[in-house]
Amino acid sequence: MAGRDHGDLRVLGLILAATAVLIVVVLVFGGPMIQGLAATLNEGVGLKTAAVWSFGVTVALFVLFALVAGDGLIGELQFMLGAFFSFFALITLLIAWVF
């Protein structure tokens, strides 16, 4: 192992150095633009409003699922109830995040 080639370590060092330079350039040139963008954004929708919209969307979605399920509705009810609460939580958080 005395004649081991360090070419892989040299390539890794170059990649890490190039990544560090790229991050510094993005922060220097993109920082003021990101701060200006953040100043123009309004507060958005809170969790209470998102929960109301999410409940409506989830109920409509699961009514559609129940209609499409047909004969399997009674056998799948326990899965639909569990999925309802999962969908409700996920859609609430997504609405609050996006809007």
PDB file of N, CA and C in Angstrom:
ATOM      1  N   MET A   1       0.803  -1.184   0.000  1.00  0.00           N
ATOM      2  CA  MET A   1       0.000   0.000   0.000  1.00  0.00           C
ATOM      3  C   MET A   1       0.852   1.256   0.000  1.00  0.00           C
ATOM      4  N   ALA A   2       2.141   1.089  -0.072  1.00  0.00           N
ATOM      5  CA  ALA A   2       3.022   2.259  -0.055  1.00  0.00           C
ATOM      6  C   ALA A   2       2.878   3.046  -1.343  1.00  0.00           C
ATOM      7  N   GLY A   3       2.555   2.380  -2.451  1.00  0.00           N
ATOM      8  CA  GLY A   3       2.430   3.064  -3.734  1.00  0.00           C
ATOM      9  C   GLY A   3       0.988   3.416  -4.064  1.00  0.00           C
ATOM     10  N   ARG A   4       0.181   3.650  -3.062  1.00  0.00           N
ATOM     11  CA  ARG A   4      -1.252   3.907  -3.254  1.00  0.00           C
ATOM     12  C   ARG A   4      -1.470   5.243  -3.964  1.00  0.00           C
ATOM     13  N   ASP A   5      -2.397   5.239  -4.916  1.00  0.00           N
ATOM     14  CA  ASP A   5      -2.705   6.444  -5.685  1.00  0.00           C
ATOM     15  C   ASP A   5      -3.749   7.270  -4.951  1.00  0.00           C
ATOM     16  N   HIS A   6      -3.515   8.553  -4.798  1.00  0.00           N
ATOM     17  CA  HIS A   6      -4.437   9.446  -4.105  1.00  0.00           C
ATOM     18  C   HIS A   6      -5.297  10.254  -5.094  1.00  0.00           C
ATOM     19  N   GLY A   7      -5.492   9.728  -6.269  1.00  0.00           N
ATOM     20  CA  GLY A   7      -6.281  10.427  -7.286  1.00  0.00           C
ATOM     21  C   GLY A   7      -7.739  10.592  -6.888  1.00  0.00           C
ATOM     22  N   ASP A   8      -8.306   9.582  -6.213  1.00  0.00           N
ATOM     23  CA  ASP A   8      -9.704   9.667  -5.779  1.00  0.00           C
ATOM     24  C   ASP A   8      -9.888  10.763  -4.738  1.00  0.00           C
ATOM     25  N   LEU A   9      -8.926  10.864  -3.817  1.00  0.00           N
ATOM     26  CA  LEU A   9      -9.017  11.910  -2.806  1.00  0.00           C
ATOM     27  C   LEU A   9      -8.866  13.297  -3.421  1.00  0.00           C
ATOM     28  N   ARG A  10      -8.036  13.413  -4.435  1.00  0.00           N
ATOM     29  CA  ARG A  10      -7.840  14.683  -5.121  1.00  0.00           C
ATOM     30  C   ARG A  10      -9.126  15.106  -5.847  1.00  0.00           C
ATOM     31  N   VAL A  11      -9.796  14.147  -6.482  1.00  0.00           N
ATOM     32  CA  VAL A  11     -11.058  14.431  -7.172  1.00  0.00           C
ATOM     33  C   VAL A  11     -12.133  14.824  -6.163  1.00  0.00           C
ATOM     34  N   LEU A  12     -12.197  14.132  -5.031  1.00  0.00           N
ATOM     35  CA  LEU A  12     -13.157  14.470  -3.990  1.00  0.00           C
ATOM     36  C   LEU A  12     -12.901  15.871  -3.444  1.00  0.00           C
ATOM     37  N   GLY A  13     -11.650  16.210  -3.237  1.00  0.00           N
ATOM     38  CA  GLY A  13     -11.299  17.560  -2.775  1.00  0.00           C
ATOM     39  C   GLY A  13     -11.704  18.625  -3.769  1.00  0.00           C
ATOM     40  N   LEU A  14     -11.513  18.370  -5.055  1.00  0.00           N
ATOM     41  CA  LEU A  14     -11.916  19.332  -6.087  1.00  0.00           C
ATOM     42  C   LEU A  14     -13.432  19.497  -6.132  1.00  0.00           C
ATOM     43  N   ILE A  15     -14.149  18.403  -5.987  1.00  0.00           N
ATOM     44  CA  ILE A  15     -15.611  18.470  -5.990  1.00  0.00           C
ATOM     45  C   ILE A  15     -16.114  19.255  -4.788  1.00  0.00           C
ATOM     46  N   LEU A  16     -15.544  19.004  -3.601  1.00  0.00           N
ATOM     47  CA  LEU A  16     -15.953  19.730  -2.404  1.00  0.00           C
ATOM     48  C   LEU A  16     -15.609  21.216  -2.501  1.00  0.00           C
ATOM     49  N   ALA A  17     -14.456  21.533  -3.055  1.00  0.00           N
ATOM     50  CA  ALA A  17     -14.072  22.938  -3.223  1.00  0.00           C
ATOM     51  C   ALA A  17     -14.995  23.645  -4.212  1.00  0.00           C
ATOM     52  N   ALA A  18     -15.325  22.981  -5.314  1.00  0.00           N
ATOM     53  CA  ALA A  18     -16.228  23.580  -6.298  1.00  0.00           C
ATOM     54  C   ALA A  18     -17.622  23.772  -5.708  1.00  0.00           C
ATOM     55  N   THR A  19     -18.084  22.829  -4.892  1.00  0.00           N
ATOM     56  CA  THR A  19     -19.385  22.964  -4.233  1.00  0.00           C
ATOM     57  C   THR A  19     -19.389  24.134  -3.263  1.00  0.00           C
ATOM     58  N   ALA A  20     -18.302  24.296  -2.505  1.00  0.00           N
ATOM     59  CA  ALA A  20     -18.207  25.409  -1.561  1.00  0.00           C
ATOM     60  C   ALA A  20     -18.209  26.748  -2.292  1.00  0.00           C
ATOM     61  N   VAL A  21     -17.484  26.831  -3.401  1.00  0.00           N
ATOM     62  CA  VAL A  21     -17.457  28.073  -4.191  1.00  0.00           C
ATOM     63  C   VAL A  21     -18.837  28.366  -4.759  1.00  0.00           C
ATOM     64  N   LEU A  22     -19.519  27.356  -5.234  1.00  0.00           N
ATOM     65  CA  LEU A  22     -20.862  27.539  -5.788  1.00  0.00           C
ATOM     66  C   LEU A  22     -21.841  28.021  -4.719  1.00  0.00           C
ATOM     67  N   ILE A  23     -21.765  27.473  -3.516  1.00  0.00           N
ATOM     68  CA  ILE A  23     -22.644  27.903  -2.425  1.00  0.00           C
ATOM     69  C   ILE A  23     -22.373  29.356  -2.059  1.00  0.00           C
ATOM     70  N   VAL A  24     -21.101  29.746  -2.005  1.00  0.00           N
ATOM     71  CA  VAL A  24     -20.760  31.135  -1.680  1.00  0.00           C
ATOM     72  C   VAL A  24     -21.283  32.076  -2.754  1.00  0.00           C
ATOM     73  N   VAL A  25     -21.147  31.713  -4.020  1.00  0.00           N
ATOM     74  CA  VAL A  25     -21.633  32.565  -5.114  1.00  0.00           C
ATOM     75  C   VAL A  25     -23.148  32.711  -5.049  1.00  0.00           C
ATOM     76  N   VAL A  26     -23.854  31.618  -4.791  1.00  0.00           N
ATOM     77  CA  VAL A  26     -25.313  31.677  -4.697  1.00  0.00           C
ATOM     78  C   VAL A  26     -25.743  32.554  -3.531  1.00  0.00           C
ATOM     79  N   LEU A  27     -25.078  32.430  -2.387  1.00  0.00           N
ATOM     80  CA  LEU A  27     -25.432  33.249  -1.225  1.00  0.00           C
ATOM     81  C   LEU A  27     -25.133  34.727  -1.459  1.00  0.00           C
ATOM     82  N   VAL A  28     -24.017  35.034  -2.119  1.00  0.00           N
ATOM     83  CA  VAL A  28     -23.661  36.436  -2.352  1.00  0.00           C
ATOM     84  C   VAL A  28     -24.621  37.093  -3.332  1.00  0.00           C
ATOM     85  N   PHE A  29     -24.900  36.413  -4.438  1.00  0.00           N
ATOM     86  CA  PHE A  29     -25.749  37.023  -5.460  1.00  0.00           C
ATOM     87  C   PHE A  29     -27.239  36.785  -5.229  1.00  0.00           C
ATOM     88  N   GLY A  30     -27.608  35.676  -4.603  1.00  0.00           N
ATOM     89  CA  GLY A  30     -29.018  35.350  -4.404  1.00  0.00           C
ATOM     90  C   GLY A  30     -29.577  35.833  -3.089  1.00  0.00           C
ATOM     91  N   GLY A  31     -28.736  36.160  -2.123  1.00  0.00           N
ATOM     92  CA  GLY A  31     -29.197  36.581  -0.806  1.00  0.00           C
ATOM     93  C   GLY A  31     -30.110  37.788  -0.828  1.00  0.00           C
ATOM     94  N   PRO A  32     -29.675  38.905  -1.448  1.00  0.00           N
ATOM     95  CA  PRO A  32     -30.555  40.086  -1.489  1.00  0.00           C
ATOM     96  C   PRO A  32     -31.858  39.838  -2.245  1.00  0.00           C
ATOM     97  N   MET A  33     -31.803  39.021  -3.291  1.00  0.00           N
ATOM     98  CA  MET A  33     -33.016  38.730  -4.050  1.00  0.00           C
ATOM     99  C   MET A  33     -33.995  37.935  -3.198  1.00  0.00           C
ATOM    100  N   ILE A  34     -33.494  36.975  -2.417  1.00  0.00           N
ATOM    101  CA  ILE A  34     -34.364  36.181  -1.559  1.00  0.00           C
ATOM    102  C   ILE A  34     -34.956  37.045  -0.458  1.00  0.00           C
ATOM    103  N   GLN A  35     -34.177  37.966   0.106  1.00  0.00           N
ATOM    104  CA  GLN A  35     -34.698  38.857   1.144  1.00  0.00           C
ATOM    105  C   GLN A  35     -35.767  39.783   0.582  1.00  0.00           C
ATOM    106  N   GLY A  36     -35.590  40.268  -0.624  1.00  0.00           N
ATOM    107  CA  GLY A  36     -36.599  41.115  -1.260  1.00  0.00           C
ATOM    108  C   GLY A  36     -37.872  40.361  -1.561  1.00  0.00           C
ATOM    109  N   LEU A  37     -37.739  39.104  -1.940  1.00  0.00           N
ATOM    110  CA  LEU A  37     -38.908  38.271  -2.212  1.00  0.00           C
ATOM    111  C   LEU A  37     -39.674  37.988  -0.929  1.00  0.00           C
ATOM    112  N   ALA A  38     -38.963  37.721   0.146  1.00  0.00           N
ATOM    113  CA  ALA A  38     -39.616  37.426   1.426  1.00  0.00           C
ATOM    114  C   ALA A  38     -40.370  38.640   1.956  1.00  0.00           C
ATOM    115  N   ALA A  39     -39.912  39.841   1.652  1.00  0.00           N
ATOM    116  CA  ALA A  39     -40.578  41.051   2.128  1.00  0.00           C
ATOM    117  C   ALA A  39     -41.899  41.290   1.401  1.00  0.00           C
ATOM    118  N   THR A  40     -42.041  40.767   0.192  1.00  0.00           N
ATOM    119  CA  THR A  40     -43.268  40.990  -0.576  1.00  0.00           C
ATOM    120  C   THR A  40     -44.359  39.972  -0.282  1.00  0.00           C
ATOM    121  N   LEU A  41     -44.016  38.872   0.379  1.00  0.00           N
ATOM    122  CA  LEU A  41     -45.012  37.842   0.658  1.00  0.00           C
ATOM    123  C   LEU A  41     -45.896  38.261   1.818  1.00  0.00           C
ATOM    124  N   ASN A  42     -47.194  37.957   1.711  1.00  0.00           N
ATOM    125  CA  ASN A  42     -48.102  38.278   2.810  1.00  0.00           C
ATOM    126  C   ASN A  42     -48.179  37.097   3.775  1.00  0.00           C
ATOM    127  N   GLU A  43     -48.983  37.257   4.809  1.00  0.00           N
ATOM    128  CA  GLU A  43     -49.035  36.253   5.863  1.00  0.00           C
ATOM    129  C   GLU A  43     -49.636  34.935   5.392  1.00  0.00           C
ATOM    130  N   GLY A  44     -50.619  34.976   4.556  1.00  0.00           N
ATOM    131  CA  GLY A  44     -51.191  33.756   4.005  1.00  0.00           C
ATOM    132  C   GLY A  44     -52.338  33.204   4.829  1.00  0.00           C
ATOM    133  N   VAL A  45     -52.641  31.943   4.606  1.00  0.00           N
ATOM    134  CA  VAL A  45     -53.758  31.270   5.254  1.00  0.00           C
ATOM    135  C   VAL A  45     -53.257  30.614   6.539  1.00  0.00           C
ATOM    136  N   GLY A  46     -54.013  30.764   7.615  1.00  0.00           N
ATOM    137  CA  GLY A  46     -53.659  30.121   8.880  1.00  0.00           C
ATOM    138  C   GLY A  46     -54.165  28.692   8.926  1.00  0.00           C
ATOM    139  N   LEU A  47     -53.846  28.007  10.015  1.00  0.00           N
ATOM    140  CA  LEU A  47     -54.253  26.602  10.148  1.00  0.00           C
ATOM    141  C   LEU A  47     -55.764  26.450  10.287  1.00  0.00           C
ATOM    142  N   LYS A  48     -56.437  27.430  10.928  1.00  0.00           N
ATOM    143  CA  LYS A  48     -57.896  27.317  11.091  1.00  0.00           C
ATOM    144  C   LYS A  48     -58.600  27.376   9.746  1.00  0.00           C
ATOM    145  N   THR A  49     -58.230  28.324   8.919  1.00  0.00           N
ATOM    146  CA  THR A  49     -58.845  28.432   7.589  1.00  0.00           C
ATOM    147  C   THR A  49     -58.461  27.236   6.725  1.00  0.00           C
ATOM    148  N   ALA A  50     -57.216  26.793   6.833  1.00  0.00           N
ATOM    149  CA  ALA A  50     -56.781  25.625   6.063  1.00  0.00           C
ATOM    150  C   ALA A  50     -57.539  24.373   6.485  1.00  0.00           C
ATOM    151  N   ALA A  51     -57.853  24.255   7.785  1.00  0.00           N
ATOM    152  CA  ALA A  51     -58.594  23.082   8.257  1.00  0.00           C
ATOM    153  C   ALA A  51     -60.018  23.066   7.702  1.00  0.00           C
ATOM    154  N   VAL A  52     -60.640  24.233   7.603  1.00  0.00           N
ATOM    155  CA  VAL A  52     -61.998  24.301   7.047  1.00  0.00           C
ATOM    156  C   VAL A  52     -61.982  23.878   5.581  1.00  0.00           C
ATOM    157  N   TRP A  53     -61.070  24.433   4.809  1.00  0.00           N
ATOM    158  CA  TRP A  53     -60.976  24.064   3.398  1.00  0.00           C
ATOM    159  C   TRP A  53     -60.587  22.593   3.239  1.00  0.00           C
ATOM    160  N   SER A  54     -59.708  22.132   4.082  1.00  0.00           N
ATOM    161  CA  SER A  54     -59.264  20.748   3.998  1.00  0.00           C
ATOM    162  C   SER A  54     -60.393  19.776   4.309  1.00  0.00           C
ATOM    163  N   PHE A  55     -61.237  20.113   5.289  1.00  0.00           N
ATOM    164  CA  PHE A  55     -62.365  19.243   5.603  1.00  0.00           C
ATOM    165  C   PHE A  55     -63.293  19.118   4.402  1.00  0.00           C
ATOM    166  N   GLY A  56     -63.590  20.231   3.746  1.00  0.00           N
ATOM    167  CA  GLY A  56     -64.451  20.187   2.565  1.00  0.00           C
ATOM    168  C   GLY A  56     -63.846  19.379   1.429  1.00  0.00           C
ATOM    169  N   VAL A  57     -62.570  19.589   1.185  1.00  0.00           N
ATOM    170  CA  VAL A  57     -61.896  18.853   0.111  1.00  0.00           C
ATOM    171  C   VAL A  57     -61.851  17.365   0.431  1.00  0.00           C
ATOM    172  N   THR A  58     -61.561  17.017   1.685  1.00  0.00           N
ATOM    173  CA  THR A  58     -61.458  15.614   2.065  1.00  0.00           C
ATOM    174  C   THR A  58     -62.812  14.914   2.013  1.00  0.00           C
ATOM    175  N   VAL A  59     -63.864  15.581   2.478  1.00  0.00           N
ATOM    176  CA  VAL A  59     -65.203  14.978   2.413  1.00  0.00           C
ATOM    177  C   VAL A  59     -65.605  14.740   0.960  1.00  0.00           C
ATOM    178  N   ALA A  60     -65.386  15.732   0.111  1.00  0.00           N
ATOM    179  CA  ALA A  60     -65.728  15.569  -1.310  1.00  0.00           C
ATOM    180  C   ALA A  60     -64.922  14.438  -1.943  1.00  0.00           C
ATOM    181  N   LEU A  61     -63.654  14.340  -1.593  1.00  0.00           N
ATOM    182  CA  LEU A  61     -62.805  13.292  -2.149  1.00  0.00           C
ATOM    183  C   LEU A  61     -63.263  11.911  -1.699  1.00  0.00           C
ATOM    184  N   PHE A  62     -63.633  11.777  -0.422  1.00  0.00           N
ATOM    185  CA  PHE A  62     -64.041  10.469   0.066  1.00  0.00           C
ATOM    186  C   PHE A  62     -65.453  10.102  -0.346  1.00  0.00           C
ATOM    187  N   VAL A  63     -66.306  11.063  -0.610  1.00  0.00           N
ATOM    188  CA  VAL A  63     -67.602  10.749  -1.222  1.00  0.00           C
ATOM    189  C   VAL A  63     -67.373  10.185  -2.617  1.00  0.00           C
ATOM    190  N   LEU A  64     -66.456  10.780  -3.347  1.00  0.00           N
ATOM    191  CA  LEU A  64     -66.103  10.261  -4.666  1.00  0.00           C
ATOM    192  C   LEU A  64     -65.524   8.852  -4.550  1.00  0.00           C
ATOM    193  N   PHE A  65     -64.627   8.639  -3.589  1.00  0.00           N
ATOM    194  CA  PHE A  65     -64.061   7.301  -3.379  1.00  0.00           C
ATOM    195  C   PHE A  65     -65.157   6.287  -3.048  1.00  0.00           C
ATOM    196  N   ALA A  66     -66.123   6.672  -2.205  1.00  0.00           N
ATOM    197  CA  ALA A  66     -67.198   5.755  -1.813  1.00  0.00           C
ATOM    198  C   ALA A  66     -68.080   5.415  -3.014  1.00  0.00           C
ATOM    199  N   LEU A  67     -68.348   6.399  -3.860  1.00  0.00           N
ATOM    200  CA  LEU A  67     -69.162   6.134  -5.052  1.00  0.00           C
ATOM    201  C   LEU A  67     -68.445   5.203  -6.021  1.00  0.00           C
ATOM    202  N   VAL A  68     -67.169   5.379  -6.156  1.00  0.00           N
ATOM    203  CA  VAL A  68     -66.398   4.558  -7.087  1.00  0.00           C
ATOM    204  C   VAL A  68     -66.199   3.154  -6.529  1.00  0.00           C
ATOM    205  N   ALA A  69     -66.135   3.019  -5.177  1.00  0.00           N
ATOM    206  CA  ALA A  69     -65.882   1.711  -4.564  1.00  0.00           C
ATOM    207  C   ALA A  69     -67.030   0.737  -4.825  1.00  0.00           C
ATOM    208  N   GLY A  70     -68.250   1.229  -4.884  1.00  0.00           N
ATOM    209  CA  GLY A  70     -69.380   0.365  -5.196  1.00  0.00           C
ATOM    210  C   GLY A  70     -69.680  -0.630  -4.097  1.00  0.00           C
ATOM    211  N   ASP A  71     -69.607  -1.934  -4.418  1.00  0.00           N
ATOM    212  CA  ASP A  71     -69.988  -2.994  -3.491  1.00  0.00           C
ATOM    213  C   ASP A  71     -69.011  -3.150  -2.332  1.00  0.00           C
ATOM    214  N   GLY A  72     -67.807  -2.695  -2.462  1.00  0.00           N
ATOM    215  CA  GLY A  72     -66.809  -2.901  -1.418  1.00  0.00           C
ATOM    216  C   GLY A  72     -66.825  -1.845  -0.341  1.00  0.00           C
ATOM    217  N   LEU A  73     -67.825  -0.977  -0.302  1.00  0.00           N
ATOM    218  CA  LEU A  73     -67.845   0.145   0.636  1.00  0.00           C
ATOM    219  C   LEU A  73     -67.885  -0.313   2.083  1.00  0.00           C
ATOM    220  N   ILE A  74     -68.746  -1.290   2.425  1.00  0.00           N
ATOM    221  CA  ILE A  74     -68.892  -1.723   3.814  1.00  0.00           C
ATOM    222  C   ILE A  74     -67.611  -2.420   4.286  1.00  0.00           C
ATOM    223  N   GLY A  75     -67.006  -3.211   3.450  1.00  0.00           N
ATOM    224  CA  GLY A  75     -65.787  -3.917   3.826  1.00  0.00           C
ATOM    225  C   GLY A  75     -64.584  -3.002   3.944  1.00  0.00           C
ATOM    226  N   GLU A  76     -64.645  -1.861   3.300  1.00  0.00           N
ATOM    227  CA  GLU A  76     -63.502  -0.956   3.303  1.00  0.00           C
ATOM    228  C   GLU A  76     -63.716   0.255   4.203  1.00  0.00           C
ATOM    229  N   LEU A  77     -64.780   0.276   4.988  1.00  0.00           N
ATOM    230  CA  LEU A  77     -65.105   1.454   5.782  1.00  0.00           C
ATOM    231  C   LEU A  77     -64.023   1.780   6.803  1.00  0.00           C
ATOM    232  N   GLN A  78     -63.466   0.786   7.480  1.00  0.00           N
ATOM    233  CA  GLN A  78     -62.441   1.060   8.480  1.00  0.00           C
ATOM    234  C   GLN A  78     -61.186   1.646   7.836  1.00  0.00           C
ATOM    235  N   PHE A  79     -60.873   1.225   6.622  1.00  0.00           N
ATOM    236  CA  PHE A  79     -59.714   1.784   5.933  1.00  0.00           C
ATOM    237  C   PHE A  79     -59.999   3.207   5.462  1.00  0.00           C
ATOM    238  N   MET A  80     -61.232   3.457   5.055  1.00  0.00           N
ATOM    239  CA  MET A  80     -61.593   4.802   4.607  1.00  0.00           C
ATOM    240  C   MET A  80     -61.580   5.796   5.764  1.00  0.00           C
ATOM    241  N   LEU A  81     -62.001   5.371   6.959  1.00  0.00           N
ATOM    242  CA  LEU A  81     -61.977   6.269   8.111  1.00  0.00           C
ATOM    243  C   LEU A  81     -60.546   6.618   8.512  1.00  0.00           C
ATOM    244  N   GLY A  82     -59.674   5.633   8.519  1.00  0.00           N
ATOM    245  CA  GLY A  82     -58.261   5.901   8.823  1.00  0.00           C
ATOM    246  C   GLY A  82     -57.620   6.787   7.780  1.00  0.00           C
ATOM    247  N   ALA A  83     -57.931   6.518   6.531  1.00  0.00           N
ATOM    248  CA  ALA A  83     -57.371   7.329   5.449  1.00  0.00           C
ATOM    249  C   ALA A  83     -57.946   8.736   5.466  1.00  0.00           C
ATOM    250  N   PHE A  84     -59.204   8.887   5.915  1.00  0.00           N
ATOM    251  CA  PHE A  84     -59.818  10.210   5.984  1.00  0.00           C
ATOM    252  C   PHE A  84     -59.007  11.126   6.888  1.00  0.00           C
ATOM    253  N   PHE A  85     -58.654  10.640   8.076  1.00  0.00           N
ATOM    254  CA  PHE A  85     -57.913  11.482   9.007  1.00  0.00           C
ATOM    255  C   PHE A  85     -56.488  11.752   8.520  1.00  0.00           C
ATOM    256  N   SER A  86     -55.899  10.779   7.844  1.00  0.00           N
ATOM    257  CA  SER A  86     -54.568  11.000   7.271  1.00  0.00           C
ATOM    258  C   SER A  86     -54.628  12.052   6.175  1.00  0.00           C
ATOM    259  N   PHE A  87     -55.609  11.929   5.277  1.00  0.00           N
ATOM    260  CA  PHE A  87     -55.776  12.905   4.208  1.00  0.00           C
ATOM    261  C   PHE A  87     -56.074  14.284   4.785  1.00  0.00           C
ATOM    262  N   PHE A  88     -56.951  14.330   5.796  1.00  0.00           N
ATOM    263  CA  PHE A  88     -57.332  15.602   6.404  1.00  0.00           C
ATOM    264  C   PHE A  88     -56.111  16.322   6.979  1.00  0.00           C
ATOM    265  N   ALA A  89     -55.279  15.606   7.720  1.00  0.00           N
ATOM    266  CA  ALA A  89     -54.081  16.214   8.308  1.00  0.00           C
ATOM    267  C   ALA A  89     -53.110  16.662   7.222  1.00  0.00           C
ATOM    268  N   LEU A  90     -52.883  15.829   6.234  1.00  0.00           N
ATOM    269  CA  LEU A  90     -51.937  16.162   5.173  1.00  0.00           C
ATOM    270  C   LEU A  90     -52.419  17.339   4.343  1.00  0.00           C
ATOM    271  N   ILE A  91     -53.677  17.327   3.938  1.00  0.00           N
ATOM    272  CA  ILE A  91     -54.202  18.410   3.114  1.00  0.00           C
ATOM    273  C   ILE A  91     -54.241  19.715   3.895  1.00  0.00           C
ATOM    274  N   THR A  92     -54.559  19.656   5.201  1.00  0.00           N
ATOM    275  CA  THR A  92     -54.543  20.868   6.027  1.00  0.00           C
ATOM    276  C   THR A  92     -53.164  21.497   6.042  1.00  0.00           C
ATOM    277  N   LEU A  93     -52.162  20.688   6.298  1.00  0.00           N
ATOM    278  CA  LEU A  93     -50.799  21.221   6.350  1.00  0.00           C
ATOM    279  C   LEU A  93     -50.331  21.717   4.981  1.00  0.00           C
ATOM    280  N   LEU A  94     -50.711  21.033   3.917  1.00  0.00           N
ATOM    281  CA  LEU A  94     -50.308  21.481   2.581  1.00  0.00           C
ATOM    282  C   LEU A  94     -50.982  22.789   2.194  1.00  0.00           C
ATOM    283  N   ILE A  95     -52.262  22.947   2.526  1.00  0.00           N
ATOM    284  CA  ILE A  95     -52.959  24.201   2.224  1.00  0.00           C
ATOM    285  C   ILE A  95     -52.338  25.348   3.008  1.00  0.00           C
ATOM    286  N   ALA A  96     -52.061  25.111   4.291  1.00  0.00           N
ATOM    287  CA  ALA A  96     -51.455  26.162   5.112  1.00  0.00           C
ATOM    288  C   ALA A  96     -50.058  26.501   4.609  1.00  0.00           C
ATOM    289  N   TRP A  97     -49.340  25.529   4.082  1.00  0.00           N
ATOM    290  CA  TRP A  97     -47.975  25.764   3.614  1.00  0.00           C
ATOM    291  C   TRP A  97     -47.976  26.497   2.275  1.00  0.00           C
ATOM    292  N   VAL A  98     -48.794  26.059   1.340  1.00  0.00           N
ATOM    293  CA  VAL A  98     -48.766  26.613  -0.022  1.00  0.00           C
ATOM    294  C   VAL A  98     -49.459  27.970  -0.075  1.00  0.00           C
ATOM    295  N   PHE A  99     -50.595  28.108   0.587  1.00  0.00           N
ATOM    296  CA  PHE A  99     -51.350  29.350   0.476  1.00  0.00           C
ATOM    297  C   PHE A  99     -51.110  30.228   1.672  1.00  0.00           C
TER     298      PHE A  99
END
